[in-house]
Amino acid sequence: MKLTIQKSSVFVAIAMTIYTLLRIIARTSFFRDLIEFSSREAIWYSCEALLLFSIIVFGISLFINRKQIPLLSKSLKIQALVIGLFLTFEIIYNWVSSFLHYYYTNTIIILLFITIWFWQFAFITPPKLFPSKYLGKTSLVISITIGIVLLLMLTSFIHVLFTGHVIGFGLTYLINWITVITFCLFFGMYLLDIYKNKRKD
């Protein structure tokens, strides 16, 4: 079965939906009272692993199909630009603020926007396909990087399973940053490729 951009984007949309819903539900006292801490941690890391894996698959599909990238509609381009700018602001703000964790409200709002964007993207009928100069290569680098993070997650899980102690790696902190930077690069490179292709035409 050929790995297409559409199929992999559906995978990301599903993973984003699950991840975003968990972020919303996790804030409720009902969730904390109903599920014990260890189970909450297991659910949380499972959803994060699913999201990261979906991004890896999506990144590989973009690299494989880099000569046939869908041209975005005007609406999706505007949304991508807004999301990209918002993510850039979040990265700069948190960098200046000594790497503070993202505020829950802002995070959930932007996650909802990204989720909605991917559901739209998964079912668009592109008016045109174009070769990617930047997005394909960037996506491959991102997939490899996230693959390393997933390997660290697996190593940490096995270590906890056999020893009962957390090995560390600062994964919660790392995953927060790598997810935001990944989507920021994705939207940025996508729009840059569209701009460069438009100039050629």
C-alpha atoms as a PDB file:
ATOM      1  CA  MET A   1       0.000   0.000   0.000  1.00  0.00           C
ATOM      2  CA  LYS A   2       1.447   3.345  -1.084  1.00  0.00           C
ATOM      3  CA  LEU A   3       1.963   5.905   1.655  1.00  0.00           C
ATOM      4  CA  THR A   4       0.084   8.978   0.444  1.00  0.00           C
ATOM      5  CA  ILE A   5      -0.052  12.467   1.882  1.00  0.00           C
ATOM      6  CA  GLN A   6      -3.834  12.216   2.263  1.00  0.00           C
ATOM      7  CA  LYS A   7      -3.748   8.934   4.239  1.00  0.00           C
ATOM      8  CA  SER A   8      -0.958  10.125   6.505  1.00  0.00           C
ATOM      9  CA  SER A   9      -2.674  13.483   7.093  1.00  0.00           C
ATOM     10  CA  VAL A  10      -5.828  11.625   8.214  1.00  0.00           C
ATOM     11  CA  PHE A  11      -3.602   9.743  10.679  1.00  0.00           C
ATOM     12  CA  VAL A  12      -2.235  13.056  12.021  1.00  0.00           C
ATOM     13  CA  ALA A  13      -5.760  14.512  12.231  1.00  0.00           C
ATOM     14  CA  ILE A  14      -6.960  11.518  14.288  1.00  0.00           C
ATOM     15  CA  ALA A  15      -3.912  11.632  16.571  1.00  0.00           C
ATOM     16  CA  MET A  16      -4.293  15.399  17.008  1.00  0.00           C
ATOM     17  CA  THR A  17      -7.977  14.980  17.883  1.00  0.00           C
ATOM     18  CA  ILE A  18      -7.202  12.380  20.557  1.00  0.00           C
ATOM     19  CA  TYR A  19      -4.286  14.419  21.919  1.00  0.00           C
ATOM     20  CA  THR A  20      -6.270  17.676  22.048  1.00  0.00           C
ATOM     21  CA  LEU A  21      -9.282  16.034  23.721  1.00  0.00           C
ATOM     22  CA  LEU A  22      -6.964  14.534  26.327  1.00  0.00           C
ATOM     23  CA  ARG A  23      -5.432  17.945  27.009  1.00  0.00           C
ATOM     24  CA  ILE A  24      -8.927  19.322  27.611  1.00  0.00           C
ATOM     25  CA  ILE A  25     -10.164  16.380  29.708  1.00  0.00           C
ATOM     26  CA  ALA A  26      -6.934  16.244  31.751  1.00  0.00           C
ATOM     27  CA  ARG A  27      -7.722  19.683  33.187  1.00  0.00           C
ATOM     28  CA  THR A  28     -10.952  18.466  34.818  1.00  0.00           C
ATOM     29  CA  SER A  29     -11.129  17.244  38.401  1.00  0.00           C
ATOM     30  CA  PHE A  30     -13.323  14.378  37.164  1.00  0.00           C
ATOM     31  CA  PHE A  31     -10.415  12.950  35.164  1.00  0.00           C
ATOM     32  CA  ARG A  32      -7.992  13.305  38.078  1.00  0.00           C
ATOM     33  CA  ASP A  33     -10.438  11.742  40.560  1.00  0.00           C
ATOM     34  CA  LEU A  34     -11.496   8.902  38.291  1.00  0.00           C
ATOM     35  CA  ILE A  35      -8.080   7.712  37.137  1.00  0.00           C
ATOM     36  CA  GLU A  36      -5.113   7.119  39.416  1.00  0.00           C
ATOM     37  CA  PHE A  37      -1.836   8.920  38.753  1.00  0.00           C
ATOM     38  CA  SER A  38       0.080   5.995  37.231  1.00  0.00           C
ATOM     39  CA  SER A  39      -2.744   5.279  34.793  1.00  0.00           C
ATOM     40  CA  ARG A  40      -2.998   8.955  33.851  1.00  0.00           C
ATOM     41  CA  GLU A  41       0.716   8.977  33.073  1.00  0.00           C
ATOM     42  CA  ALA A  42       0.380   5.857  30.921  1.00  0.00           C
ATOM     43  CA  ILE A  43      -2.556   7.345  28.984  1.00  0.00           C
ATOM     44  CA  TRP A  44      -0.738  10.642  28.541  1.00  0.00           C
ATOM     45  CA  TYR A  45       2.501   9.137  27.219  1.00  0.00           C
ATOM     46  CA  SER A  46       0.578   6.754  24.955  1.00  0.00           C
ATOM     47  CA  CYS A  47      -1.246   9.685  23.326  1.00  0.00           C
ATOM     48  CA  GLU A  48       1.997  11.632  22.969  1.00  0.00           C
ATOM     49  CA  ALA A  49       3.666   8.593  21.393  1.00  0.00           C
ATOM     50  CA  LEU A  50       0.725   8.207  18.980  1.00  0.00           C
ATOM     51  CA  LEU A  51       0.967  11.870  17.961  1.00  0.00           C
ATOM     52  CA  LEU A  52       4.726  11.695  17.450  1.00  0.00           C
ATOM     53  CA  PHE A  53       4.424   8.489  15.429  1.00  0.00           C
ATOM     54  CA  SER A  54       1.737  10.051  13.229  1.00  0.00           C
ATOM     55  CA  ILE A  55       4.034  13.026  12.573  1.00  0.00           C
ATOM     56  CA  ILE A  56       6.841  10.634  11.592  1.00  0.00           C
ATOM     57  CA  VAL A  57       4.558   8.857   9.116  1.00  0.00           C
ATOM     58  CA  PHE A  58       3.334  12.185   7.752  1.00  0.00           C
ATOM     59  CA  GLY A  59       6.880  13.495   7.398  1.00  0.00           C
ATOM     60  CA  ILE A  60       8.000  10.387   5.512  1.00  0.00           C
ATOM     61  CA  SER A  61       4.985  10.622   3.190  1.00  0.00           C
ATOM     62  CA  LEU A  62       5.821  14.258   2.429  1.00  0.00           C
ATOM     63  CA  PHE A  63       9.394  13.254   1.596  1.00  0.00           C
ATOM     64  CA  ILE A  64       8.319  10.333  -0.595  1.00  0.00           C
ATOM     65  CA  ASN A  65       5.758  12.471  -2.444  1.00  0.00           C
ATOM     66  CA  ARG A  66       7.844  15.679  -2.412  1.00  0.00           C
ATOM     67  CA  LYS A  67       7.437  16.100  -6.178  1.00  0.00           C
ATOM     68  CA  GLN A  68       3.638  16.102  -5.863  1.00  0.00           C
ATOM     69  CA  ILE A  69       2.707  18.351  -2.943  1.00  0.00           C
ATOM     70  CA  PRO A  70      -0.929  19.594  -2.907  1.00  0.00           C
ATOM     71  CA  LEU A  71      -1.384  23.300  -3.476  1.00  0.00           C
ATOM     72  CA  LEU A  72      -3.365  24.794  -0.608  1.00  0.00           C
ATOM     73  CA  SER A  73      -6.609  26.673  -1.064  1.00  0.00           C
ATOM     74  CA  LYS A  74      -6.642  30.348  -0.098  1.00  0.00           C
ATOM     75  CA  SER A  75      -8.452  29.529   3.137  1.00  0.00           C
ATOM     76  CA  LEU A  76      -5.920  26.867   4.184  1.00  0.00           C
ATOM     77  CA  LYS A  77      -3.011  29.183   3.310  1.00  0.00           C
ATOM     78  CA  ILE A  78      -4.421  31.929   5.514  1.00  0.00           C
ATOM     79  CA  GLN A  79      -5.033  29.474   8.356  1.00  0.00           C
ATOM     80  CA  ALA A  80      -1.517  28.049   7.971  1.00  0.00           C
ATOM     81  CA  LEU A  81      -0.045  31.548   8.102  1.00  0.00           C
ATOM     82  CA  VAL A  82      -2.001  32.464  11.247  1.00  0.00           C
ATOM     83  CA  ILE A  83      -1.051  29.194  12.964  1.00  0.00           C
ATOM     84  CA  GLY A  84       2.592  29.573  11.934  1.00  0.00           C
ATOM     85  CA  LEU A  85       2.782  33.133  13.259  1.00  0.00           C
ATOM     86  CA  PHE A  86       1.099  32.129  16.508  1.00  0.00           C
ATOM     87  CA  LEU A  87       3.536  29.229  17.004  1.00  0.00           C
ATOM     88  CA  THR A  88       6.495  31.488  16.229  1.00  0.00           C
ATOM     89  CA  PHE A  89       5.282  33.967  18.844  1.00  0.00           C
ATOM     90  CA  GLU A  90       4.874  31.156  21.399  1.00  0.00           C
ATOM     91  CA  ILE A  91       8.399  29.866  20.749  1.00  0.00           C
ATOM     92  CA  ILE A  92       9.976  33.334  21.041  1.00  0.00           C
ATOM     93  CA  TYR A  93       7.918  34.245  24.118  1.00  0.00           C
ATOM     94  CA  ASN A  94       8.778  31.062  25.977  1.00  0.00           C
ATOM     95  CA  TRP A  95      12.427  31.283  24.970  1.00  0.00           C
ATOM     96  CA  VAL A  96      12.678  34.815  26.331  1.00  0.00           C
ATOM     97  CA  SER A  97      10.760  33.743  29.445  1.00  0.00           C
ATOM     98  CA  SER A  98      13.473  31.227  30.386  1.00  0.00           C
ATOM     99  CA  PHE A  99      11.790  28.231  28.754  1.00  0.00           C
ATOM    100  CA  LEU A 100       8.549  28.478  30.716  1.00  0.00           C
ATOM    101  CA  HIS A 101       5.939  25.841  29.968  1.00  0.00           C
ATOM    102  CA  TYR A 102       3.195  26.893  27.574  1.00  0.00           C
ATOM    103  CA  TYR A 103       0.021  28.237  29.093  1.00  0.00           C
ATOM    104  CA  TYR A 104      -2.746  25.660  28.922  1.00  0.00           C
ATOM    105  CA  THR A 105      -5.315  28.019  27.392  1.00  0.00           C
ATOM    106  CA  ASN A 106      -3.059  29.133  24.551  1.00  0.00           C
ATOM    107  CA  THR A 107      -1.880  25.579  23.933  1.00  0.00           C
ATOM    108  CA  ILE A 108      -5.386  24.150  23.673  1.00  0.00           C
ATOM    109  CA  ILE A 109      -6.551  26.905  21.337  1.00  0.00           C
ATOM    110  CA  ILE A 110      -3.647  26.396  18.943  1.00  0.00           C
ATOM    111  CA  LEU A 111      -4.028  22.603  19.141  1.00  0.00           C
ATOM    112  CA  LEU A 112      -7.670  22.975  18.134  1.00  0.00           C
ATOM    113  CA  PHE A 113      -6.689  25.156  15.164  1.00  0.00           C
ATOM    114  CA  ILE A 114      -4.036  22.651  14.035  1.00  0.00           C
ATOM    115  CA  THR A 115      -6.485  19.748  14.403  1.00  0.00           C
ATOM    116  CA  ILE A 116      -9.140  21.535  12.342  1.00  0.00           C
ATOM    117  CA  TRP A 117      -6.526  22.439   9.712  1.00  0.00           C
ATOM    118  CA  PHE A 118      -5.417  18.823   9.283  1.00  0.00           C
ATOM    119  CA  TRP A 119      -9.004  17.554   8.949  1.00  0.00           C
ATOM    120  CA  GLN A 120      -9.565  20.094   6.185  1.00  0.00           C
ATOM    121  CA  PHE A 121      -6.226  19.287   4.544  1.00  0.00           C
ATOM    122  CA  ALA A 122      -6.939  15.554   4.599  1.00  0.00           C
ATOM    123  CA  PHE A 123      -9.990  15.916   2.369  1.00  0.00           C
ATOM    124  CA  ILE A 124      -9.122  18.777   0.043  1.00  0.00           C
ATOM    125  CA  THR A 125      -9.160  18.398  -3.704  1.00  0.00           C
ATOM    126  CA  PRO A 126      -6.012  20.344  -4.594  1.00  0.00           C
ATOM    127  CA  PRO A 127      -6.269  22.524  -7.688  1.00  0.00           C
ATOM    128  CA  LYS A 128      -2.664  21.722  -8.476  1.00  0.00           C
ATOM    129  CA  LEU A 129       0.333  19.631  -7.391  1.00  0.00           C
ATOM    130  CA  PHE A 130       3.818  21.092  -7.257  1.00  0.00           C
ATOM    131  CA  PRO A 131       7.368  19.901  -6.449  1.00  0.00           C
ATOM    132  CA  SER A 132       8.669  20.792  -2.996  1.00  0.00           C
ATOM    133  CA  LYS A 133      12.086  22.339  -2.560  1.00  0.00           C
ATOM    134  CA  TYR A 134      12.115  22.708   1.207  1.00  0.00           C
ATOM    135  CA  LEU A 135       9.176  20.829   2.768  1.00  0.00           C
ATOM    136  CA  GLY A 136      10.199  17.309   1.718  1.00  0.00           C
ATOM    137  CA  LYS A 137      13.759  17.506   3.071  1.00  0.00           C
ATOM    138  CA  THR A 138      12.668  19.333   6.235  1.00  0.00           C
ATOM    139  CA  SER A 139      10.009  16.685   6.880  1.00  0.00           C
ATOM    140  CA  LEU A 140      12.572  13.878   6.621  1.00  0.00           C
ATOM    141  CA  VAL A 141      14.873  15.603   9.150  1.00  0.00           C
ATOM    142  CA  ILE A 142      11.904  16.144  11.485  1.00  0.00           C
ATOM    143  CA  SER A 143      10.856  12.477  11.169  1.00  0.00           C
ATOM    144  CA  ILE A 144      14.358  11.284  12.064  1.00  0.00           C
ATOM    145  CA  THR A 145      14.540  13.669  15.038  1.00  0.00           C
ATOM    146  CA  ILE A 146      11.148  12.608  16.378  1.00  0.00           C
ATOM    147  CA  GLY A 147      12.127   8.968  15.815  1.00  0.00           C
ATOM    148  CA  ILE A 148      15.032   9.519  18.228  1.00  0.00           C
ATOM    149  CA  VAL A 149      12.632  11.061  20.772  1.00  0.00           C
ATOM    150  CA  LEU A 150      10.322   8.038  20.456  1.00  0.00           C
ATOM    151  CA  LEU A 151      13.304   5.755  21.011  1.00  0.00           C
ATOM    152  CA  LEU A 152      14.099   7.678  24.206  1.00  0.00           C
ATOM    153  CA  MET A 153      10.464   7.297  25.300  1.00  0.00           C
ATOM    154  CA  LEU A 154      10.638   3.545  24.720  1.00  0.00           C
ATOM    155  CA  THR A 155      13.931   3.311  26.614  1.00  0.00           C
ATOM    156  CA  SER A 156      12.445   5.273  29.520  1.00  0.00           C
ATOM    157  CA  PHE A 157       9.333   3.067  29.541  1.00  0.00           C
ATOM    158  CA  ILE A 158      11.372  -0.155  29.609  1.00  0.00           C
ATOM    159  CA  HIS A 159      13.576   1.255  32.375  1.00  0.00           C
ATOM    160  CA  VAL A 160      10.549   2.128  34.519  1.00  0.00           C
ATOM    161  CA  LEU A 161       8.973  -1.255  33.793  1.00  0.00           C
ATOM    162  CA  PHE A 162      11.979  -3.195  35.060  1.00  0.00           C
ATOM    163  CA  THR A 163      13.369  -0.891  37.762  1.00  0.00           C
ATOM    164  CA  GLY A 164      10.382   1.179  38.892  1.00  0.00           C
ATOM    165  CA  HIS A 165      12.459   4.348  38.530  1.00  0.00           C
ATOM    166  CA  VAL A 166      12.150   7.098  35.914  1.00  0.00           C
ATOM    167  CA  ILE A 167      15.268   7.370  33.774  1.00  0.00           C
ATOM    168  CA  GLY A 168      14.588  10.987  32.889  1.00  0.00           C
ATOM    169  CA  PHE A 169      15.739  12.537  29.587  1.00  0.00           C
ATOM    170  CA  GLY A 170      13.375  15.478  30.307  1.00  0.00           C
ATOM    171  CA  LEU A 171      10.893  14.014  27.847  1.00  0.00           C
ATOM    172  CA  THR A 172       7.828  16.000  28.938  1.00  0.00           C
ATOM    173  CA  TYR A 173       9.718  19.227  28.405  1.00  0.00           C
ATOM    174  CA  LEU A 174      11.345  17.980  25.192  1.00  0.00           C
ATOM    175  CA  ILE A 175       8.074  16.779  23.648  1.00  0.00           C
ATOM    176  CA  ASN A 176       6.393  20.138  24.324  1.00  0.00           C
ATOM    177  CA  TRP A 177       9.133  21.947  22.439  1.00  0.00           C
ATOM    178  CA  ILE A 178       9.618  19.492  19.593  1.00  0.00           C
ATOM    179  CA  THR A 179       5.879  19.362  18.829  1.00  0.00           C
ATOM    180  CA  VAL A 180       5.545  23.141  18.612  1.00  0.00           C
ATOM    181  CA  ILE A 181       8.749  23.569  16.579  1.00  0.00           C
ATOM    182  CA  THR A 182       7.731  20.726  14.234  1.00  0.00           C
ATOM    183  CA  PHE A 183       4.375  22.279  13.351  1.00  0.00           C
ATOM    184  CA  CYS A 184       5.958  25.728  13.060  1.00  0.00           C
ATOM    185  CA  LEU A 185       8.506  24.375  10.555  1.00  0.00           C
ATOM    186  CA  PHE A 186       5.831  22.432   8.682  1.00  0.00           C
ATOM    187  CA  PHE A 187       3.571  25.425   8.102  1.00  0.00           C
ATOM    188  CA  GLY A 188       6.520  27.717   7.412  1.00  0.00           C
ATOM    189  CA  MET A 189       8.188  25.431   4.850  1.00  0.00           C
ATOM    190  CA  TYR A 190       4.852  24.639   3.185  1.00  0.00           C
ATOM    191  CA  LEU A 191       4.049  28.324   2.662  1.00  0.00           C
ATOM    192  CA  LEU A 192       7.616  29.032   1.541  1.00  0.00           C
ATOM    193  CA  ASP A 193       7.408  26.275  -1.085  1.00  0.00           C
ATOM    194  CA  ILE A 194       4.082  27.640  -2.334  1.00  0.00           C
ATOM    195  CA  TYR A 195       5.569  31.139  -2.557  1.00  0.00           C
ATOM    196  CA  LYS A 196       8.656  29.933  -4.435  1.00  0.00           C
ATOM    197  CA  ASN A 197       6.527  27.868  -6.814  1.00  0.00           C
ATOM    198  CA  LYS A 198       4.236  30.848  -7.471  1.00  0.00           C
ATOM    199  CA  ARG A 199       7.237  33.031  -8.364  1.00  0.00           C
ATOM    200  CA  LYS A 200       8.369  30.437 -10.939  1.00  0.00           C
ATOM    201  CA  ASP A 201       4.951  30.521 -12.561  1.00  0.00           C
END
